[in-house]
Amino acid sequence: MAKTLSSMMPLGTMAPAFRLFNPALKKYQTLDQLKSKTGTVVMFICNHCPFVKLIKSTLAEVARVYQKKGINFIAIASNDVSRFPEDSPERMVEEVKLFNYPFVYLYDETQAVAKAYQAACTPDFYLFDDQLSCVYRGQFDEARPGNNIIPTGGDLIKAMENLMNQRMISPDQKPSLGCNIKWKEPSEAVL
């Protein structure tokens, strides 16, 4: 596991469009279909990363609460499944059931979406406003494997609350820390 900080997409960046496969529903879905009129969280996660494992249950609960308030959550898995089969689409379906994810979990087979979002690690979080402009990118909270901090989602929650209440979201945002995205070898990548 290579500890990696998120790249921190510039605030104000428009969310790159995508069309990705949802293994649980066996169909393709787009950002336009999944976005919300209030706000949209796009997050890059995977099944095997200990940083993601630490927050999975809390993440599902935070998503349940805030989706009821009008913020949609979209999870994307971009790891190279030829080297990390535990992140395969079949295992993604198992993960959705096991953790009762209330959000879609999409498969970025070509890794083009992760590159478009400048995603670097799992987990990596982005919050977009009603116009799909990036207003937050960074960590879920301060919890990390081994630091004995209980996950709450505090950083993301604060940004969502400020967005919903039309308050300024501080540009002083902390990068996420997690496992690096497992990129395909250049000869394997399909563009």
C-alpha atoms as a PDB file:
ATOM      1  CA  MET A   1       0.000   0.000   0.000  1.00  0.00           C
ATOM      2  CA  ALA A   2       1.542   3.276  -1.125  1.00  0.00           C
ATOM      3  CA  LYS A   3       0.172   6.149   0.972  1.00  0.00           C
ATOM      4  CA  THR A   4      -0.879   8.875  -1.443  1.00  0.00           C
ATOM      5  CA  LEU A   5      -2.430  12.320  -0.978  1.00  0.00           C
ATOM      6  CA  SER A   6      -5.224  13.506  -3.239  1.00  0.00           C
ATOM      7  CA  SER A   7      -4.189  15.868  -6.029  1.00  0.00           C
ATOM      8  CA  MET A   8      -6.736  18.531  -5.068  1.00  0.00           C
ATOM      9  CA  MET A   9      -8.519  19.467  -8.294  1.00  0.00           C
ATOM     10  CA  PRO A  10      -8.750  23.281  -8.457  1.00  0.00           C
ATOM     11  CA  LEU A  11     -11.900  24.666  -6.848  1.00  0.00           C
ATOM     12  CA  GLY A  12     -14.345  25.861  -9.485  1.00  0.00           C
ATOM     13  CA  THR A  13     -13.438  23.048 -11.911  1.00  0.00           C
ATOM     14  CA  MET A  14     -16.494  21.700 -13.682  1.00  0.00           C
ATOM     15  CA  ALA A  15     -17.186  18.004 -13.042  1.00  0.00           C
ATOM     16  CA  PRO A  16     -16.007  15.989 -16.035  1.00  0.00           C
ATOM     17  CA  ALA A  17     -18.876  14.123 -17.684  1.00  0.00           C
ATOM     18  CA  PHE A  18     -18.832  10.335 -17.673  1.00  0.00           C
ATOM     19  CA  ARG A  19     -20.764   7.232 -18.691  1.00  0.00           C
ATOM     20  CA  LEU A  20     -19.781   4.235 -16.562  1.00  0.00           C
ATOM     21  CA  PHE A  21     -21.034   0.711 -15.968  1.00  0.00           C
ATOM     22  CA  ASN A  22     -22.980  -0.045 -12.798  1.00  0.00           C
ATOM     23  CA  PRO A  23     -22.309  -3.756 -12.107  1.00  0.00           C
ATOM     24  CA  ALA A  24     -25.118  -4.009  -9.522  1.00  0.00           C
ATOM     25  CA  LEU A  25     -27.750  -2.730 -11.971  1.00  0.00           C
ATOM     26  CA  LYS A  26     -26.023  -4.152 -15.084  1.00  0.00           C
ATOM     27  CA  LYS A  27     -26.360  -0.900 -16.999  1.00  0.00           C
ATOM     28  CA  TYR A  28     -24.444   2.240 -17.861  1.00  0.00           C
ATOM     29  CA  GLN A  29     -25.140   5.476 -16.023  1.00  0.00           C
ATOM     30  CA  THR A  30     -24.028   9.048 -16.650  1.00  0.00           C
ATOM     31  CA  LEU A  31     -23.185  11.998 -14.461  1.00  0.00           C
ATOM     32  CA  ASP A  32     -26.150  13.870 -15.970  1.00  0.00           C
ATOM     33  CA  GLN A  33     -28.501  11.072 -14.845  1.00  0.00           C
ATOM     34  CA  LEU A  34     -27.048  10.904 -11.331  1.00  0.00           C
ATOM     35  CA  LYS A  35     -26.348  14.543 -10.427  1.00  0.00           C
ATOM     36  CA  SER A  36     -28.484  16.423  -7.942  1.00  0.00           C
ATOM     37  CA  LYS A  37     -30.033  19.888  -8.055  1.00  0.00           C
ATOM     38  CA  THR A  38     -28.535  20.524  -4.600  1.00  0.00           C
ATOM     39  CA  GLY A  39     -25.075  18.974  -4.722  1.00  0.00           C
ATOM     40  CA  THR A  40     -23.263  15.887  -5.918  1.00  0.00           C
ATOM     41  CA  VAL A  41     -20.490  13.951  -4.208  1.00  0.00           C
ATOM     42  CA  VAL A  42     -18.216  12.014  -6.538  1.00  0.00           C
ATOM     43  CA  MET A  43     -15.839   9.697  -4.722  1.00  0.00           C
ATOM     44  CA  PHE A  44     -13.186   7.268  -5.806  1.00  0.00           C
ATOM     45  CA  ILE A  45     -13.135   4.167  -3.617  1.00  0.00           C
ATOM     46  CA  CYS A  46     -12.300   0.479  -3.942  1.00  0.00           C
ATOM     47  CA  ASN A  47     -12.963  -2.740  -2.045  1.00  0.00           C
ATOM     48  CA  HIS A  48      -9.550  -3.665  -0.686  1.00  0.00           C
ATOM     49  CA  CYS A  49      -7.936  -0.412   0.514  1.00  0.00           C
ATOM     50  CA  PRO A  50      -7.581  -0.227   4.326  1.00  0.00           C
ATOM     51  CA  PHE A  51      -8.275   3.539   4.240  1.00  0.00           C
ATOM     52  CA  VAL A  52     -11.620   2.860   2.536  1.00  0.00           C
ATOM     53  CA  LYS A  53     -12.373  -0.166   4.734  1.00  0.00           C
ATOM     54  CA  LEU A  54     -12.036   2.048   7.805  1.00  0.00           C
ATOM     55  CA  ILE A  55     -14.785   4.446   6.681  1.00  0.00           C
ATOM     56  CA  LYS A  56     -17.187   2.187   4.704  1.00  0.00           C
ATOM     57  CA  SER A  57     -19.931   1.897   7.320  1.00  0.00           C
ATOM     58  CA  THR A  58     -19.778   5.585   8.253  1.00  0.00           C
ATOM     59  CA  LEU A  59     -19.682   6.600   4.590  1.00  0.00           C
ATOM     60  CA  ALA A  60     -22.836   4.574   3.894  1.00  0.00           C
ATOM     61  CA  GLU A  61     -24.588   6.221   6.863  1.00  0.00           C
ATOM     62  CA  VAL A  62     -23.501   9.762   5.876  1.00  0.00           C
ATOM     63  CA  ALA A  63     -24.725   9.103   2.327  1.00  0.00           C
ATOM     64  CA  ARG A  64     -28.097   7.840   3.620  1.00  0.00           C
ATOM     65  CA  VAL A  65     -28.597  10.996   5.683  1.00  0.00           C
ATOM     66  CA  TYR A  66     -27.487  13.493   3.030  1.00  0.00           C
ATOM     67  CA  GLN A  67     -29.186  11.831   0.070  1.00  0.00           C
ATOM     68  CA  LYS A  68     -32.453  12.425   1.954  1.00  0.00           C
ATOM     69  CA  LYS A  69     -31.414  16.098   2.088  1.00  0.00           C
ATOM     70  CA  GLY A  70     -30.903  16.209  -1.693  1.00  0.00           C
ATOM     71  CA  ILE A  71     -27.185  15.528  -2.165  1.00  0.00           C
ATOM     72  CA  ASN A  72     -26.434  12.574  -4.433  1.00  0.00           C
ATOM     73  CA  PHE A  73     -23.432  10.301  -3.913  1.00  0.00           C
ATOM     74  CA  ILE A  74     -21.614   8.539  -6.738  1.00  0.00           C
ATOM     75  CA  ALA A  75     -18.831   6.033  -5.990  1.00  0.00           C
ATOM     76  CA  ILE A  76     -16.348   5.077  -8.695  1.00  0.00           C
ATOM     77  CA  ALA A  77     -13.823   2.225  -8.686  1.00  0.00           C
ATOM     78  CA  SER A  78     -10.876   2.714 -11.026  1.00  0.00           C
ATOM     79  CA  ASN A  79      -8.245   0.198  -9.899  1.00  0.00           C
ATOM     80  CA  ASP A  80      -6.583  -2.222 -12.322  1.00  0.00           C
ATOM     81  CA  VAL A  81      -8.571  -5.402 -11.621  1.00  0.00           C
ATOM     82  CA  SER A  82      -6.098  -7.608 -13.476  1.00  0.00           C
ATOM     83  CA  ARG A  83      -3.668  -6.960 -10.603  1.00  0.00           C
ATOM     84  CA  PHE A  84      -6.297  -6.423  -7.878  1.00  0.00           C
ATOM     85  CA  PRO A  85      -9.134  -8.886  -8.583  1.00  0.00           C
ATOM     86  CA  GLU A  86     -10.773  -8.078  -5.232  1.00  0.00           C
ATOM     87  CA  ASP A  87     -11.793  -4.776  -6.868  1.00  0.00           C
ATOM     88  CA  SER A  88     -13.523  -6.493  -9.818  1.00  0.00           C
ATOM     89  CA  PRO A  89     -17.084  -5.588 -10.856  1.00  0.00           C
ATOM     90  CA  GLU A  90     -18.368  -8.885  -9.403  1.00  0.00           C
ATOM     91  CA  ARG A  91     -16.792  -8.068  -6.055  1.00  0.00           C
ATOM     92  CA  MET A  92     -18.169  -4.510  -6.270  1.00  0.00           C
ATOM     93  CA  VAL A  93     -21.678  -5.998  -6.370  1.00  0.00           C
ATOM     94  CA  GLU A  94     -20.879  -8.035  -3.250  1.00  0.00           C
ATOM     95  CA  GLU A  95     -19.567  -4.885  -1.545  1.00  0.00           C
ATOM     96  CA  VAL A  96     -22.768  -2.945  -2.289  1.00  0.00           C
ATOM     97  CA  LYS A  97     -24.825  -5.706  -0.657  1.00  0.00           C
ATOM     98  CA  LEU A  98     -22.462  -6.272   2.270  1.00  0.00           C
ATOM     99  CA  PHE A  99     -22.316  -2.609   3.305  1.00  0.00           C
ATOM    100  CA  ASN A 100     -25.815  -1.726   2.085  1.00  0.00           C
ATOM    101  CA  TYR A 101     -24.466   1.154   0.015  1.00  0.00           C
ATOM    102  CA  PRO A 102     -27.254   3.638  -0.684  1.00  0.00           C
ATOM    103  CA  PHE A 103     -25.288   5.081  -3.623  1.00  0.00           C
ATOM    104  CA  VAL A 104     -24.311   3.817  -7.057  1.00  0.00           C
ATOM    105  CA  TYR A 105     -20.904   2.150  -7.346  1.00  0.00           C
ATOM    106  CA  LEU A 106     -19.594   2.498 -10.891  1.00  0.00           C
ATOM    107  CA  TYR A 107     -16.716   0.761 -12.658  1.00  0.00           C
ATOM    108  CA  ASP A 108     -14.136   2.918 -14.471  1.00  0.00           C
ATOM    109  CA  GLU A 109     -12.568   0.162 -16.565  1.00  0.00           C
ATOM    110  CA  THR A 110     -10.414   2.437 -18.738  1.00  0.00           C
ATOM    111  CA  GLN A 111      -9.412   4.656 -15.800  1.00  0.00           C
ATOM    112  CA  ALA A 112     -10.191   7.683 -17.997  1.00  0.00           C
ATOM    113  CA  VAL A 113     -12.662   9.089 -15.452  1.00  0.00           C
ATOM    114  CA  ALA A 114     -10.156   8.878 -12.583  1.00  0.00           C
ATOM    115  CA  LYS A 115      -7.663  10.743 -14.758  1.00  0.00           C
ATOM    116  CA  ALA A 116     -10.255  13.373 -15.722  1.00  0.00           C
ATOM    117  CA  TYR A 117     -10.984  14.011 -12.026  1.00  0.00           C
ATOM    118  CA  GLN A 118      -7.271  14.003 -11.163  1.00  0.00           C
ATOM    119  CA  ALA A 119      -8.035  11.267  -8.631  1.00  0.00           C
ATOM    120  CA  ALA A 120      -4.913   9.937  -6.956  1.00  0.00           C
ATOM    121  CA  CYS A 121      -6.009   7.796  -4.040  1.00  0.00           C
ATOM    122  CA  THR A 122      -8.779   5.822  -2.446  1.00  0.00           C
ATOM    123  CA  PRO A 123     -10.749   7.356  -0.920  1.00  0.00           C
ATOM    124  CA  ASP A 124     -10.802  10.654  -2.817  1.00  0.00           C
ATOM    125  CA  PHE A 125     -13.821  12.967  -2.386  1.00  0.00           C
ATOM    126  CA  TYR A 126     -15.249  15.777  -4.531  1.00  0.00           C
ATOM    127  CA  LEU A 127     -18.331  17.889  -3.827  1.00  0.00           C
ATOM    128  CA  PHE A 128     -19.948  19.748  -6.705  1.00  0.00           C
ATOM    129  CA  ASP A 129     -22.676  22.371  -6.476  1.00  0.00           C
ATOM    130  CA  ASP A 130     -25.915  22.503  -8.482  1.00  0.00           C
ATOM    131  CA  GLN A 131     -23.962  23.743 -11.510  1.00  0.00           C
ATOM    132  CA  LEU A 132     -21.412  20.899 -11.132  1.00  0.00           C
ATOM    133  CA  SER A 133     -18.658  23.299 -10.059  1.00  0.00           C
ATOM    134  CA  CYS A 134     -16.180  21.854  -7.547  1.00  0.00           C
ATOM    135  CA  VAL A 135     -16.671  23.439  -4.126  1.00  0.00           C
ATOM    136  CA  TYR A 136     -14.835  20.846  -2.024  1.00  0.00           C
ATOM    137  CA  ARG A 137     -12.200  18.203  -2.640  1.00  0.00           C
ATOM    138  CA  GLY A 138     -10.244  16.350  -0.050  1.00  0.00           C
ATOM    139  CA  GLN A 139     -10.662  14.159   2.986  1.00  0.00           C
ATOM    140  CA  PHE A 140     -13.731  12.528   4.501  1.00  0.00           C
ATOM    141  CA  ASP A 141     -12.278  13.317   7.932  1.00  0.00           C
ATOM    142  CA  GLU A 142      -9.064  12.840   9.949  1.00  0.00           C
ATOM    143  CA  ALA A 143      -9.546   9.073  10.563  1.00  0.00           C
ATOM    144  CA  ARG A 144      -6.741   6.883   9.242  1.00  0.00           C
ATOM    145  CA  PRO A 145      -5.890   3.240   9.889  1.00  0.00           C
ATOM    146  CA  GLY A 146      -3.986   3.098  13.161  1.00  0.00           C
ATOM    147  CA  ASN A 147      -4.579   6.673  14.386  1.00  0.00           C
ATOM    148  CA  ASN A 148      -7.505   5.663  16.662  1.00  0.00           C
ATOM    149  CA  ILE A 149      -9.757   8.441  15.323  1.00  0.00           C
ATOM    150  CA  ILE A 150     -13.328   7.251  14.790  1.00  0.00           C
ATOM    151  CA  PRO A 151     -14.645   8.089  11.298  1.00  0.00           C
ATOM    152  CA  THR A 152     -17.401  10.724  11.265  1.00  0.00           C
ATOM    153  CA  GLY A 153     -17.188  12.258   7.793  1.00  0.00           C
ATOM    154  CA  GLY A 154     -16.790  15.627   9.509  1.00  0.00           C
ATOM    155  CA  ASP A 155     -14.890  17.452   6.778  1.00  0.00           C
ATOM    156  CA  LEU A 156     -17.250  16.366   3.994  1.00  0.00           C
ATOM    157  CA  ILE A 157     -20.315  16.959   6.197  1.00  0.00           C
ATOM    158  CA  LYS A 158     -19.202  20.522   6.970  1.00  0.00           C
ATOM    159  CA  ALA A 159     -18.800  21.250   3.253  1.00  0.00           C
ATOM    160  CA  MET A 160     -22.217  19.736   2.430  1.00  0.00           C
ATOM    161  CA  GLU A 161     -23.923  21.657   5.225  1.00  0.00           C
ATOM    162  CA  ASN A 162     -22.369  24.911   4.031  1.00  0.00           C
ATOM    163  CA  LEU A 163     -23.423  24.171   0.453  1.00  0.00           C
ATOM    164  CA  MET A 164     -27.022  23.356   1.461  1.00  0.00           C
ATOM    165  CA  ASN A 165     -27.262  26.476   3.607  1.00  0.00           C
ATOM    166  CA  GLN A 166     -25.629  28.706   0.981  1.00  0.00           C
ATOM    167  CA  ARG A 167     -22.721  29.543   3.248  1.00  0.00           C
ATOM    168  CA  MET A 168     -19.157  29.981   2.093  1.00  0.00           C
ATOM    169  CA  ILE A 169     -17.129  26.783   1.991  1.00  0.00           C
ATOM    170  CA  SER A 170     -13.626  27.482   3.240  1.00  0.00           C
ATOM    171  CA  PRO A 171     -10.994  26.997   0.538  1.00  0.00           C
ATOM    172  CA  ASP A 172      -8.668  25.715   3.281  1.00  0.00           C
ATOM    173  CA  GLN A 173      -9.307  22.032   2.590  1.00  0.00           C
ATOM    174  CA  LYS A 174      -7.172  19.057   3.582  1.00  0.00           C
ATOM    175  CA  PRO A 175      -6.239  16.437   0.994  1.00  0.00           C
ATOM    176  CA  SER A 176      -7.435  12.918   1.445  1.00  0.00           C
ATOM    177  CA  LEU A 177      -4.853  10.253   2.236  1.00  0.00           C
ATOM    178  CA  GLY A 178      -5.197   6.702   1.050  1.00  0.00           C
ATOM    179  CA  CYS A 179      -3.862   3.960  -1.147  1.00  0.00           C
ATOM    180  CA  ASN A 180      -2.737   5.094  -4.569  1.00  0.00           C
ATOM    181  CA  ILE A 181      -5.058   4.243  -7.440  1.00  0.00           C
ATOM    182  CA  LYS A 182      -3.707   1.081  -9.041  1.00  0.00           C
ATOM    183  CA  TRP A 183      -3.029   2.316 -12.549  1.00  0.00           C
ATOM    184  CA  LYS A 184      -2.801  -0.041 -15.499  1.00  0.00           C
ATOM    185  CA  GLU A 185       0.490  -0.398 -17.282  1.00  0.00           C
ATOM    186  CA  PRO A 186       0.547   2.038 -20.247  1.00  0.00           C
ATOM    187  CA  SER A 187       0.297  -0.835 -22.725  1.00  0.00           C
ATOM    188  CA  GLU A 188      -2.863  -2.109 -20.954  1.00  0.00           C
ATOM    189  CA  ALA A 189      -4.696   1.195 -20.702  1.00  0.00           C
ATOM    190  CA  VAL A 190      -7.539   1.657 -23.151  1.00  0.00           C
ATOM    191  CA  LEU A 191      -8.414   5.225 -24.054  1.00  0.00           C
END
